[in-house]
Protein backbone atom coordinates (compact mmCIF):
# COMPACT_ATOMS: atom_id res chain seq x y z
CA UNK A 1 -0.11 0.02 0.02
CA UNK A 2 1.20 3.41 -0.99
CA UNK A 3 2.39 5.54 2.16
CA UNK A 4 0.11 8.37 1.25
CA UNK A 5 -2.81 6.17 1.18
CA UNK A 6 -1.81 4.38 4.53
CA UNK A 7 -1.15 7.69 6.15
CA UNK A 8 -4.48 9.34 4.91
CA UNK A 9 -6.31 6.37 6.29
CA UNK A 10 -4.64 6.72 9.62
CA UNK A 11 -5.13 10.41 9.82
CA UNK A 12 -8.78 9.96 8.98
CA UNK A 13 -9.00 7.45 11.79
CA UNK A 14 -7.26 9.70 14.08
CA UNK A 15 -9.36 12.80 13.04
CA UNK A 16 -12.62 10.70 13.60
CA UNK A 17 -11.48 9.69 16.96
CA UNK A 18 -10.31 13.10 17.82
CA UNK A 19 -13.86 14.41 16.49
CA UNK A 20 -15.53 11.64 18.79
CA UNK A 21 -13.72 12.91 21.72
CA UNK A 22 -14.38 16.51 21.03
CA UNK A 23 -17.96 15.95 20.60
CA UNK A 24 -18.16 13.94 23.75
CA UNK A 25 -16.40 16.63 25.65
CA UNK A 26 -18.51 19.20 24.16
CA UNK A 27 -21.70 17.13 24.89
CA UNK A 28 -20.49 16.60 28.72
CA UNK A 29 -20.02 20.24 28.96
CA UNK A 30 -23.61 21.00 27.56
CA UNK A 31 -25.15 18.39 29.72
CA UNK A 32 -23.35 19.83 32.81
CA UNK A 33 -24.43 23.31 31.96
CA UNK A 34 -28.12 21.98 31.44
CA UNK A 35 -27.59 20.24 35.05
CA UNK A 36 -26.47 23.68 36.49
CA UNK A 37 -29.15 25.49 34.85
CA UNK A 38 -31.88 23.12 36.21
CA UNK A 39 -30.34 23.52 39.81
CA UNK A 40 -30.13 27.22 39.54
CA UNK A 41 -33.70 27.34 38.35
CA UNK A 42 -34.92 25.08 41.06
CA UNK A 43 -33.16 27.35 43.67
CA UNK A 44 -34.57 30.25 42.24
CA UNK A 45 -37.99 28.75 42.19
CA UNK A 46 -37.49 27.50 45.95
CA UNK A 47 -36.49 31.00 46.78
CA UNK A 48 -39.57 32.58 45.35
CA UNK A 49 -41.84 30.01 47.00
CA UNK A 50 -40.22 30.56 50.42
CA UNK A 51 -40.61 34.20 49.87
CA UNK A 52 -44.18 33.82 49.08
CA UNK A 53 -44.69 31.75 52.53
CA UNK A 54 -42.79 34.56 54.37
CA UNK A 55 -44.99 37.18 52.81
CA UNK A 56 -48.29 35.39 53.25
CA UNK A 57 -47.65 34.69 57.25
CA UNK A 58 -46.73 38.37 57.67
CA UNK A 59 -49.82 39.70 55.74
CA UNK A 60 -51.95 37.31 58.00
CA UNK A 61 -50.51 38.48 61.14
CA UNK A 62 -50.66 42.16 60.09
CA UNK A 63 -54.45 41.61 59.38
CA UNK A 64 -55.28 39.89 62.81
CA UNK A 65 -53.32 42.73 64.53
CA UNK A 66 -55.28 45.50 62.69
CA UNK A 67 -58.73 43.47 63.47
CA UNK A 68 -57.95 43.49 67.33
CA UNK A 69 -56.41 47.08 67.41
CA UNK A 70 -57.45 49.08 64.55
CA UNK A 71 -54.18 50.99 64.81
CA UNK A 72 -53.11 52.53 61.37
CA UNK A 73 -49.59 51.49 61.73
CA UNK A 74 -50.58 47.90 60.80
CA UNK A 75 -52.12 49.42 57.51
CA UNK A 76 -48.86 51.07 56.85
CA UNK A 77 -46.95 47.73 57.97
CA UNK A 78 -49.32 45.85 55.48
CA UNK A 79 -48.51 48.09 52.61
CA UNK A 80 -44.66 48.06 53.48
CA UNK A 81 -44.74 44.33 53.58
CA UNK A 82 -46.56 44.14 49.97
CA UNK A 83 -43.79 46.58 48.65
CA UNK A 84 -41.00 44.44 50.40
CA UNK A 85 -42.20 41.04 49.24
CA UNK A 86 -43.97 42.03 46.15
CA UNK A 87 -47.47 40.75 47.01
CA UNK A 88 -48.92 37.32 46.70
CA UNK A 89 -50.06 37.44 43.17
CA UNK A 90 -46.74 39.02 41.30
CA UNK A 91 -44.86 36.21 43.36
CA UNK A 92 -46.92 33.55 42.06
CA UNK A 93 -46.76 35.19 38.39
CA UNK A 94 -43.12 35.20 38.50
CA UNK A 95 -43.21 31.26 38.70
CA UNK A 96 -44.82 31.02 35.46
CA UNK A 97 -41.56 32.08 33.81
CA UNK A 98 -39.79 28.89 34.97
CA UNK A 99 -39.94 25.35 33.20
CA UNK A 100 -42.90 23.79 35.17
CA UNK A 101 -44.45 20.46 34.65
CA UNK A 102 -47.99 20.13 33.75
CA UNK A 103 -49.38 19.18 37.23
CA UNK A 104 -47.21 22.06 38.82
CA UNK A 105 -48.85 24.49 36.82
CA UNK A 106 -52.29 23.13 37.73
CA UNK A 107 -51.33 23.79 41.42
CA UNK A 108 -49.73 26.98 40.78
CA UNK A 109 -53.41 28.09 39.20
CA UNK A 110 -55.04 26.48 42.26
CA UNK A 111 -52.63 28.47 44.49
CA UNK A 112 -52.95 31.70 42.73
CA UNK A 113 -56.89 31.54 42.94
CA UNK A 114 -56.58 30.50 46.82
CA UNK A 115 -54.56 33.66 47.04
CA UNK A 116 -56.67 35.93 45.49
CA UNK A 117 -59.61 34.81 47.86
CA UNK A 118 -57.43 35.18 50.85
CA UNK A 119 -56.39 38.81 49.70
CA UNK A 120 -60.15 39.55 49.12
CA UNK A 121 -60.94 38.27 52.58
CA UNK A 122 -58.13 40.56 54.12
CA UNK A 123 -59.29 43.62 52.12
CA UNK A 124 -62.96 42.87 53.74
CA UNK A 125 -61.47 42.70 57.19
CA UNK A 126 -59.67 46.00 56.71
CA UNK A 127 -63.13 47.45 55.51
CA UNK A 128 -65.03 46.03 58.53
CA UNK A 129 -62.15 47.33 60.89
CA UNK A 130 -62.41 50.93 59.47
CA UNK A 131 -66.10 51.10 59.41
CA UNK A 132 -66.09 50.10 63.19
CA UNK A 133 -67.72 46.67 62.77
CA UNK A 134 -65.16 44.79 64.88
CA UNK A 135 -67.31 41.59 65.35
CA UNK A 136 -67.56 41.29 61.77
CA UNK A 137 -63.72 41.87 61.03
CA UNK A 138 -63.10 39.22 64.11
CA UNK A 139 -65.29 36.82 62.34
CA UNK A 140 -63.72 37.26 59.08
CA UNK A 141 -60.38 36.69 60.08
CA UNK A 142 -60.72 33.96 62.81
CA UNK A 143 -63.65 32.46 60.46
CA UNK A 144 -63.40 28.89 59.10
CA UNK A 145 -63.30 29.91 55.49
CA UNK A 146 -60.28 32.28 56.02
CA UNK A 147 -58.25 29.64 58.15
CA UNK A 148 -59.08 26.89 55.15
CA UNK A 149 -57.86 28.99 52.39
CA UNK A 150 -54.67 29.95 54.28
CA UNK A 151 -53.99 26.29 55.18
CA UNK A 152 -55.09 25.14 51.53
CA UNK A 153 -52.74 27.91 49.83
CA UNK A 154 -49.65 26.88 52.20
CA UNK A 155 -50.30 23.19 51.28
CA UNK A 156 -50.67 23.99 47.67
CA UNK A 157 -47.12 25.95 47.97
CA UNK A 158 -45.69 22.98 49.66
CA UNK A 159 -46.98 20.47 47.05
CA UNK A 160 -45.45 22.87 44.05
CA UNK A 161 -41.91 22.91 45.97
CA UNK A 162 -41.99 19.31 46.81
CA UNK A 163 -42.77 18.35 43.09
CA UNK A 164 -40.26 20.55 41.65
CA UNK A 165 -37.49 19.08 43.90
CA UNK A 166 -38.71 15.45 42.93
CA UNK A 167 -38.58 16.27 39.31
CA UNK A 168 -35.16 18.18 39.25
CA UNK A 169 -33.74 15.20 41.32
CA UNK A 170 -34.67 12.88 38.52
CA UNK A 171 -33.43 15.20 35.79
CA UNK A 172 -30.07 15.72 37.81
CA UNK A 173 -29.60 11.96 37.90
CA UNK A 174 -30.64 11.57 34.40
CA UNK A 175 -27.96 14.23 33.48
CA UNK A 176 -25.38 12.96 35.52
CA UNK A 177 -25.57 9.60 33.92
CA UNK A 178 -25.20 11.13 30.43
CA UNK A 179 -22.23 13.15 31.39
CA UNK A 180 -20.52 9.95 32.90
CA UNK A 181 -21.36 8.32 29.63
CA UNK A 182 -19.84 11.21 27.47
CA UNK A 183 -16.62 11.58 29.57
CA UNK A 184 -16.22 7.92 29.29
CA UNK A 185 -16.61 8.02 25.70
CA UNK A 186 -14.12 11.05 25.17
CA UNK A 187 -11.51 9.29 27.39
CA UNK A 188 -12.00 5.82 25.34
CA UNK A 189 -11.56 7.91 21.87
CA UNK A 190 -8.55 9.56 23.51
CA UNK A 191 -7.07 6.52 24.40
CA UNK A 192 -7.48 4.70 20.83
CA UNK A 193 -6.06 8.02 19.56
CA UNK A 194 -2.88 7.53 21.71
CA UNK A 195 -2.73 3.87 20.70
CA UNK A 196 -2.97 4.80 17.00
CA UNK A 197 -0.41 7.63 17.42
CA UNK A 198 2.02 5.04 19.11
CA UNK A 199 1.56 2.54 16.32
CA UNK A 200 2.06 5.22 13.41
CA UNK A 201 5.39 6.22 15.34
CA UNK A 202 7.05 2.69 15.96
CA UNK A 203 5.80 1.01 13.01
CA UNK A 204 4.71 3.22 9.92
CA UNK A 205 7.37 5.99 10.60
CA UNK A 206 10.31 4.12 11.75
CA UNK A 207 10.19 1.07 9.44
CA UNK A 208 8.39 2.39 6.44
CA UNK A 209 9.92 6.03 6.40
CA UNK A 210 12.95 6.73 8.78
CA UNK A 211 15.08 3.65 8.07
CA UNK A 212 14.56 3.68 4.29
CA UNK A 213 15.01 7.54 4.32
CA UNK A 214 18.42 7.15 6.27
CA UNK A 215 19.56 4.70 3.66
CA UNK A 216 18.62 7.01 0.97
CA UNK A 217 20.25 9.93 2.73
CA UNK A 218 23.69 8.56 3.03
CA UNK A 219 23.62 7.25 -0.64
CA UNK A 220 22.45 10.94 -1.62
CA UNK A 221 25.47 12.52 0.12
CA UNK A 222 27.67 10.16 -1.60
CA UNK A 223 26.09 11.35 -5.02
CA UNK A 224 26.70 14.97 -4.17
CA UNK A 225 30.30 14.20 -3.70
CA UNK A 226 30.63 13.03 -7.29
CA UNK A 227 29.88 9.26 -7.10
CA UNK A 228 27.58 8.24 -10.13
CA UNK A 229 27.57 4.33 -9.80
CA UNK A 230 25.33 3.90 -6.40
CA UNK A 231 22.30 1.61 -6.13
CA UNK A 232 19.17 3.20 -5.50
CA UNK A 233 16.88 0.11 -5.69
CA UNK A 234 13.90 -0.20 -3.29
CA UNK A 235 11.63 -3.08 -3.79
CA UNK A 236 8.71 -1.69 -1.99
CA UNK A 237 5.88 -0.15 -3.99
CA UNK A 238 5.16 2.70 -1.97
CA UNK A 239 6.71 6.49 -2.18
CA UNK A 240 10.20 5.37 -0.61
CA UNK A 241 10.31 3.08 -3.68
CA UNK A 242 9.33 6.12 -5.89
CA UNK A 243 11.86 8.21 -4.32
CA UNK A 244 14.68 5.43 -4.80
CA UNK A 245 13.79 5.44 -8.53
CA UNK A 246 13.74 9.11 -8.90
CA UNK A 247 16.96 9.38 -7.22
CA UNK A 248 18.32 6.65 -9.53
CA UNK A 249 16.99 8.77 -12.57
CA UNK A 250 18.64 11.87 -10.73
CA UNK A 251 21.95 10.26 -10.82
CA UNK A 252 21.75 9.73 -14.44
CA UNK A 253 20.72 13.26 -14.96
CA UNK A 254 23.64 14.51 -12.90
CA UNK A 255 25.89 12.76 -15.07
CA UNK A 256 24.47 14.16 -18.10
CA UNK A 257 24.44 17.58 -16.36
CA UNK A 258 28.10 17.34 -15.59
CA UNK A 259 28.83 16.75 -19.23
CA UNK A 260 26.58 19.63 -20.27
CA UNK A 261 28.35 21.76 -17.54
CA UNK A 262 31.86 21.28 -19.34
CA UNK A 263 30.28 22.21 -22.66
CA UNK A 264 28.80 25.36 -21.21
CA UNK A 265 32.08 26.40 -19.43
CA UNK A 266 33.78 25.67 -22.81
CA UNK A 267 31.20 28.05 -24.43
CA UNK A 268 31.09 30.73 -21.75
CA UNK A 269 35.10 30.79 -22.13
CA UNK A 270 34.55 31.39 -25.94
CA UNK A 271 31.96 34.02 -25.25
CA UNK A 272 34.37 35.70 -22.76
CA UNK A 273 36.83 36.04 -25.49
CA UNK A 274 34.47 37.63 -27.71
CA UNK A 275 33.62 40.22 -25.13
CA UNK A 276 36.95 40.91 -24.42
CA UNK A 277 38.11 41.43 -27.83
CA UNK A 278 34.94 43.78 -28.91
CA UNK A 279 36.19 47.33 -30.13
CA UNK A 280 33.28 48.75 -28.08
CA UNK A 281 33.29 48.91 -24.27
CA UNK A 282 31.01 46.36 -22.76
CA UNK A 283 29.81 45.96 -19.27
CA UNK A 284 27.43 43.55 -17.27
CA UNK A 285 25.89 44.81 -14.02
CA UNK A 286 23.39 43.06 -11.57
CA UNK A 287 20.16 44.34 -10.57
CA UNK A 288 22.07 46.37 -7.70
CA UNK A 289 24.09 48.27 -10.27
CA UNK A 290 27.48 46.38 -9.37
CA UNK A 291 29.69 45.54 -12.18
CA UNK A 292 30.06 42.00 -12.73
CA UNK A 293 32.21 41.90 -15.99
CA UNK A 294 33.93 44.65 -18.02
CA UNK A 295 36.00 44.13 -20.97
CA UNK A 296 39.47 45.76 -21.52
CA UNK A 297 37.96 48.41 -23.97
CA UNK A 298 35.59 49.47 -21.33
CA UNK A 299 38.78 49.99 -18.72
CA UNK A 300 40.60 51.96 -21.50
CA UNK A 301 37.64 54.12 -22.22
CA UNK A 302 36.99 55.06 -18.80
CA UNK A 303 40.61 55.22 -17.63
CA UNK A 304 40.49 52.43 -15.22
CA UNK A 305 43.40 49.56 -14.76
CA UNK A 306 42.57 46.28 -15.80
CA UNK A 307 40.22 44.37 -13.49
CA UNK A 308 39.49 47.59 -11.41
CA UNK A 309 35.83 48.17 -12.55
CA UNK A 310 34.99 44.76 -11.10
CA UNK A 311 32.88 45.29 -7.99
CA UNK A 312 32.25 48.94 -8.47
CA UNK A 313 28.92 50.61 -8.91
CA UNK A 314 27.99 51.39 -12.49
CA UNK A 315 26.58 54.81 -10.97
CA UNK A 316 30.10 55.93 -10.49
CA UNK A 317 30.59 55.97 -14.50
CA UNK A 318 27.96 58.88 -14.83
CA UNK A 319 28.24 62.39 -13.47
CA UNK A 320 26.78 63.01 -10.03
CA UNK A 321 23.87 65.18 -11.53
CA UNK A 322 22.74 62.23 -13.72
CA UNK A 323 23.03 59.48 -11.29
CA UNK A 324 19.62 59.07 -9.69
CA UNK A 325 18.09 59.30 -13.16
CA UNK A 326 20.53 56.55 -14.38
CA UNK A 327 19.47 54.38 -11.42
CA UNK A 328 15.93 54.73 -12.12
CA UNK A 329 16.52 54.15 -16.05
CA UNK A 330 18.38 50.90 -14.85
CA UNK A 331 15.73 49.71 -12.61
CA UNK A 332 12.68 50.37 -15.02
CA UNK A 333 14.72 48.63 -17.82
CA UNK A 334 15.39 45.53 -15.80
CA UNK A 335 11.57 45.31 -15.01
CA UNK A 336 10.45 45.72 -18.72
CA UNK A 337 13.39 43.78 -20.25
CA UNK A 338 14.19 43.57 -24.05
CA UNK A 339 16.69 45.70 -25.56
CA UNK A 340 16.87 49.45 -25.70
CA UNK A 341 19.36 52.21 -27.12
CA UNK A 342 20.07 55.12 -25.00
CA UNK A 343 21.96 58.25 -26.41
CA UNK A 344 20.96 57.83 -29.98
CA UNK A 345 20.88 61.75 -30.06
CA UNK A 346 24.28 63.56 -29.81
CA UNK A 347 25.34 63.79 -26.20
CA UNK A 348 22.25 62.35 -24.50
CA UNK A 349 24.15 60.01 -22.39
CA UNK A 350 27.17 61.32 -20.63
CA UNK A 351 29.95 58.96 -19.13
CA UNK A 352 32.42 60.20 -16.40
CA UNK A 353 35.93 59.03 -16.75
CA UNK A 354 38.26 58.21 -13.77
CA UNK A 355 40.01 61.32 -13.97
CA UNK A 356 36.63 63.31 -14.03
CA UNK A 357 36.59 63.85 -17.84
CA UNK A 358 32.91 63.65 -19.38
CA UNK A 359 32.48 61.54 -22.48
CA UNK A 360 29.48 61.72 -24.77
CA UNK A 361 28.21 58.08 -25.55
CA UNK A 362 25.83 55.86 -27.04
CA UNK A 363 24.61 52.95 -25.13
CA UNK A 364 22.62 49.88 -26.05
CA UNK A 365 21.27 47.77 -23.12
CA UNK A 366 19.93 44.22 -23.18
CA UNK A 367 18.64 42.33 -20.04
CA UNK A 368 20.67 38.85 -19.78
CA UNK A 369 19.13 35.77 -18.50
CA UNK A 370 19.20 34.29 -14.94
CA UNK A 371 22.62 32.65 -14.41
CA UNK A 372 24.57 31.22 -11.55
CA UNK A 373 22.57 32.69 -8.85
CA UNK A 374 23.22 36.21 -10.10
CA UNK A 375 19.65 37.13 -10.63
CA UNK A 376 18.69 39.27 -13.54
CA UNK A 377 21.82 41.08 -15.22
CA UNK A 378 21.97 43.90 -17.80
CA UNK A 379 24.81 44.00 -20.63
CA UNK A 380 25.54 47.35 -22.00
CA UNK A 381 27.41 48.23 -25.17
CA UNK A 382 28.91 51.87 -25.27
CA UNK A 383 30.52 53.80 -28.01
CA UNK A 384 32.48 57.03 -27.52
CA UNK A 385 31.07 59.52 -29.91
CA UNK A 386 33.15 62.55 -29.22
CA UNK A 387 34.87 62.50 -32.58
CA UNK A 388 31.58 62.01 -34.32
CA UNK A 389 29.92 64.94 -32.43
CA UNK A 390 32.88 67.16 -33.41
CA UNK A 391 31.92 66.30 -37.05
CA UNK A 392 28.42 66.91 -36.43
CA UNK A 393 29.23 70.39 -34.84
CA UNK A 394 31.11 71.18 -37.88
CA UNK A 395 28.58 70.10 -40.13
CA UNK A 396 25.98 72.01 -38.08
CA UNK A 397 28.30 75.20 -38.20
CA UNK A 398 28.50 75.01 -42.21
CA UNK A 399 24.94 74.58 -42.45
CA UNK A 400 24.28 77.61 -40.35
CA UNK A 401 26.68 79.56 -42.29
CA UNK A 402 25.10 78.44 -45.64
CA UNK A 403 21.51 79.25 -44.29
CA UNK A 404 22.78 82.84 -43.27
CA UNK A 405 24.41 83.16 -46.45
CA UNK A 406 21.18 82.08 -48.17
CA UNK A 407 19.10 84.49 -46.22
CA UNK A 408 21.24 87.65 -47.09
CA UNK A 409 20.53 87.03 -50.76
CA UNK A 410 18.04 89.82 -51.92
CA UNK A 411 16.33 87.18 -54.52
CA UNK A 412 13.83 84.53 -53.48
CA UNK A 413 15.69 80.94 -53.54
CA UNK A 414 14.13 77.86 -52.72
CA UNK A 415 15.20 74.08 -53.20
CA UNK A 416 13.12 70.80 -53.23
CA UNK A 417 13.45 67.18 -52.98
CA UNK A 418 13.30 64.36 -55.70
CA UNK A 419 9.43 64.41 -55.54
CA UNK A 420 9.39 68.09 -56.32
CA UNK A 421 8.40 68.94 -52.76
CA UNK A 422 9.68 72.06 -51.02
CA UNK A 423 12.60 71.53 -48.53
CA UNK A 424 13.31 74.95 -47.56
CA UNK A 425 13.80 78.45 -48.69
CA UNK A 426 15.32 81.84 -47.78
CA UNK A 427 13.81 84.78 -46.12
CA UNK A 428 13.34 86.77 -49.41
CA UNK A 429 11.21 83.78 -50.82
CA UNK A 430 8.80 83.96 -47.81
CA UNK A 431 8.54 88.02 -47.89
CA UNK A 432 7.91 87.72 -51.71
CA UNK A 433 4.96 85.38 -51.07
CA UNK A 434 3.99 86.51 -47.66
CA UNK A 435 3.71 83.04 -46.25
CA UNK A 436 5.24 81.18 -43.39
CA UNK A 437 7.88 78.43 -43.81
CA UNK A 438 5.57 75.78 -42.12
CA UNK A 439 3.22 76.50 -44.68
CA UNK A 440 5.61 75.71 -47.58
CA UNK A 441 7.65 72.86 -46.37
CA UNK A 442 6.32 69.46 -47.84
CA UNK A 443 4.43 70.98 -50.62
CA UNK A 444 4.58 71.16 -54.16
CA UNK A 445 4.22 74.17 -56.64
CA UNK A 446 0.80 72.77 -57.44
CA UNK A 447 -0.26 73.34 -53.92
CA UNK A 448 0.55 77.31 -54.08
CA UNK A 449 -2.94 78.57 -54.02
CA UNK A 450 -1.43 82.18 -54.70
CA UNK A 451 -0.27 81.11 -58.19
CA UNK A 452 -2.76 80.92 -60.99
CA UNK A 453 -3.88 77.62 -62.06
CA UNK A 454 -1.95 77.98 -65.53
CA UNK A 455 1.09 78.87 -63.53
CA UNK A 456 1.10 76.14 -61.09
CA UNK A 457 0.42 73.78 -63.92
CA UNK A 458 3.46 75.31 -66.09
CA UNK A 459 5.89 75.21 -63.10
CA UNK A 460 4.73 71.56 -62.16
CA UNK A 461 5.48 70.44 -65.72
CA UNK A 462 8.90 72.17 -65.73
CA UNK A 463 9.84 70.55 -62.12
CA UNK A 464 8.96 66.94 -63.52
CA UNK A 465 10.86 67.67 -66.70
CA UNK A 466 14.23 68.49 -64.80
CA UNK A 467 13.66 65.92 -62.27
CA UNK A 468 13.43 63.09 -64.91
CA UNK A 469 16.05 64.74 -67.39
CA UNK A 470 18.24 66.95 -65.41
CA UNK A 471 19.63 70.47 -66.46
CA UNK A 472 18.85 74.01 -66.09
CA UNK A 473 15.73 76.15 -66.74
CA UNK A 474 15.40 79.71 -67.31
CA UNK A 475 12.36 81.47 -68.38
CA UNK A 476 10.70 85.01 -68.12
CA UNK A 477 7.23 85.17 -66.81
CA UNK A 478 4.84 87.12 -64.74
CA UNK A 479 3.49 85.95 -61.52
CA UNK A 480 1.57 87.70 -58.47
CA UNK A 481 3.59 88.32 -55.61
CA UNK A 482 2.69 89.52 -51.91
CA UNK A 483 1.20 92.78 -52.96
CA UNK A 484 -1.26 90.94 -55.29
CA UNK A 485 0.01 92.61 -58.49
CA UNK A 486 1.68 90.70 -61.09
CA UNK A 487 5.47 91.20 -61.42
CA UNK A 488 7.67 90.10 -64.20
CA UNK A 489 10.41 87.70 -63.21
CA UNK A 490 13.23 85.64 -64.34
CA UNK A 491 12.58 81.87 -63.32
CA UNK A 492 15.85 79.99 -62.94
CA UNK A 493 15.53 76.12 -61.85
CA UNK A 494 18.24 73.80 -61.70
CA UNK A 495 18.74 70.19 -60.90
CA UNK A 496 21.39 68.81 -58.31
CA UNK A 497 22.73 65.22 -57.81
CA UNK A 498 23.30 63.36 -54.66
CA UNK A 499 26.28 61.01 -53.76
CA UNK A 500 24.88 58.33 -55.74
CA UNK A 501 25.06 60.45 -58.87
CA UNK A 502 21.20 60.16 -59.28
CA UNK A 503 19.10 63.59 -59.53
CA UNK A 504 18.15 64.41 -55.70
CA UNK A 505 16.43 67.58 -56.25
CA UNK A 506 15.95 71.22 -57.63
CA UNK A 507 17.14 74.72 -56.78
CA UNK A 508 15.43 77.58 -58.01
CA UNK A 509 15.73 81.34 -58.05
CA UNK A 510 12.96 84.28 -58.73
CA UNK A 511 14.44 87.56 -59.93
CA UNK A 512 11.84 90.44 -60.03
CA UNK A 513 12.70 92.45 -63.10
CA UNK A 514 9.86 94.92 -62.87
CA UNK A 515 12.25 97.80 -61.95
CA UNK A 516 14.29 96.84 -64.99
CA UNK A 517 11.21 96.66 -67.21
CA UNK A 518 9.98 100.20 -66.16
CA UNK A 519 13.45 101.51 -66.74
CA UNK A 520 13.53 100.20 -70.20
CA UNK A 521 10.09 101.73 -71.16
CA UNK A 522 11.28 105.03 -69.72
CA UNK A 523 14.31 104.84 -71.87
CA UNK A 524 12.01 103.75 -74.93
CA UNK A 525 9.83 106.51 -74.44
CA UNK A 526 12.70 109.11 -74.15
CA UNK A 527 14.17 107.63 -77.28
CA UNK A 528 10.76 108.03 -79.07
CA UNK A 529 10.40 111.59 -78.03
CA UNK A 530 13.77 112.80 -79.36
CA UNK A 531 13.05 110.92 -82.66
CA UNK A 532 9.82 112.96 -83.09
CA UNK A 533 11.53 116.13 -82.34
CA UNK A 534 13.97 115.60 -84.79
């Protein structure tokens, strides 16, 4: 039988016995509580009956005294007695709250009836005495009827008390027997449970679990020390046998893993050589920012002797003003994973050398897989872009110079890409057409609504022809400018080639020759006037 099945069966039996014991103990406590409640109820009912008898005797004596003496103090004493004991009827009414038997309730009703008659007769005695009829008062108090009611009432109260005592004694004997049986059952269940525990410890635990487990533990220690020819055979068809067969398989797996470990060690050495030979700085840090690996180029770039970066915090390699941001970026990346490039824009990532010199860098980060208990690691590849940034600044200065030079020209100048879209223009062009640069960029001449449709079609056709064939075009035409008037202009357009010797776009100028035309007209009119004079 499987140990699990056997242990489940024993556990179920133990839980059943324990549950039986608990139920028996709870039942015994409940019965004891019921017995205590019954005794308390009997005691309280007996106290009420005794109180009734004392009140009844006191009221009878006070009535007799008043009938003889007619002194008012007896009336006051009668009222005080009622207030002290509560009166006959309220005391008997309180007995109805208790769990009385049927015959006891019958006797109680008879007692209440006798009590009411006795109280009525006492009221009559007080009335006769107050009216001065002493003989009638004495006859009433010492008459046969009054004494019969008093004796009968006391007898009924005694019968009720005796009946309740007898009934509660029977109930107590019954409950005592039940409590004893419940406690005996609980003790029996606990004893059986203890025997079952002893059986489990000395038979199941020692023979079936402890001894085989001790043997397997010794063999496992030998397996951990490098032995791979141990015999883990176990004949029994239970969990210990399954564990033995699992350890046998584990032994074979360990031998295979040892072979794979040697292969992985060779592979790791191979990759380490690649990292160390990389022309770019490379570094591996853990999730706490501690440098675990850095290639020689990393040490050289940041000015550290070989091996000195290992164990340092990666935040030391960035300026103080960026360290908090650098730590947050690393933590966010380790939680998100993947690969990210940082510093693709010039100077967006800054490194700090050992001497305190700042380096503009580009960095690419990759989250490494879990390895050898190191947790999640981060591999970063850096590149010093100081020289490239110098080139970019030079190019930017040249572009700025050319833009300033272009804006100093008094003639409108524009340039387009290979699709005929405007890439830019000088300030004179914007002023000539009274437009903003953002309204021009990316559009073609066909989109310039300020030009007549025929002019747009003409210029578009010329643009397409030069983009396909190359060359230069110069024409004289008239177009409306910012003042809304037609101006004669000389339109010059030329194509330019790129690095691949293909047509990359167009450059054009507009020269307003309105003043020249006006001068020619004035000169012509002057010559005509001279000829007429001659």
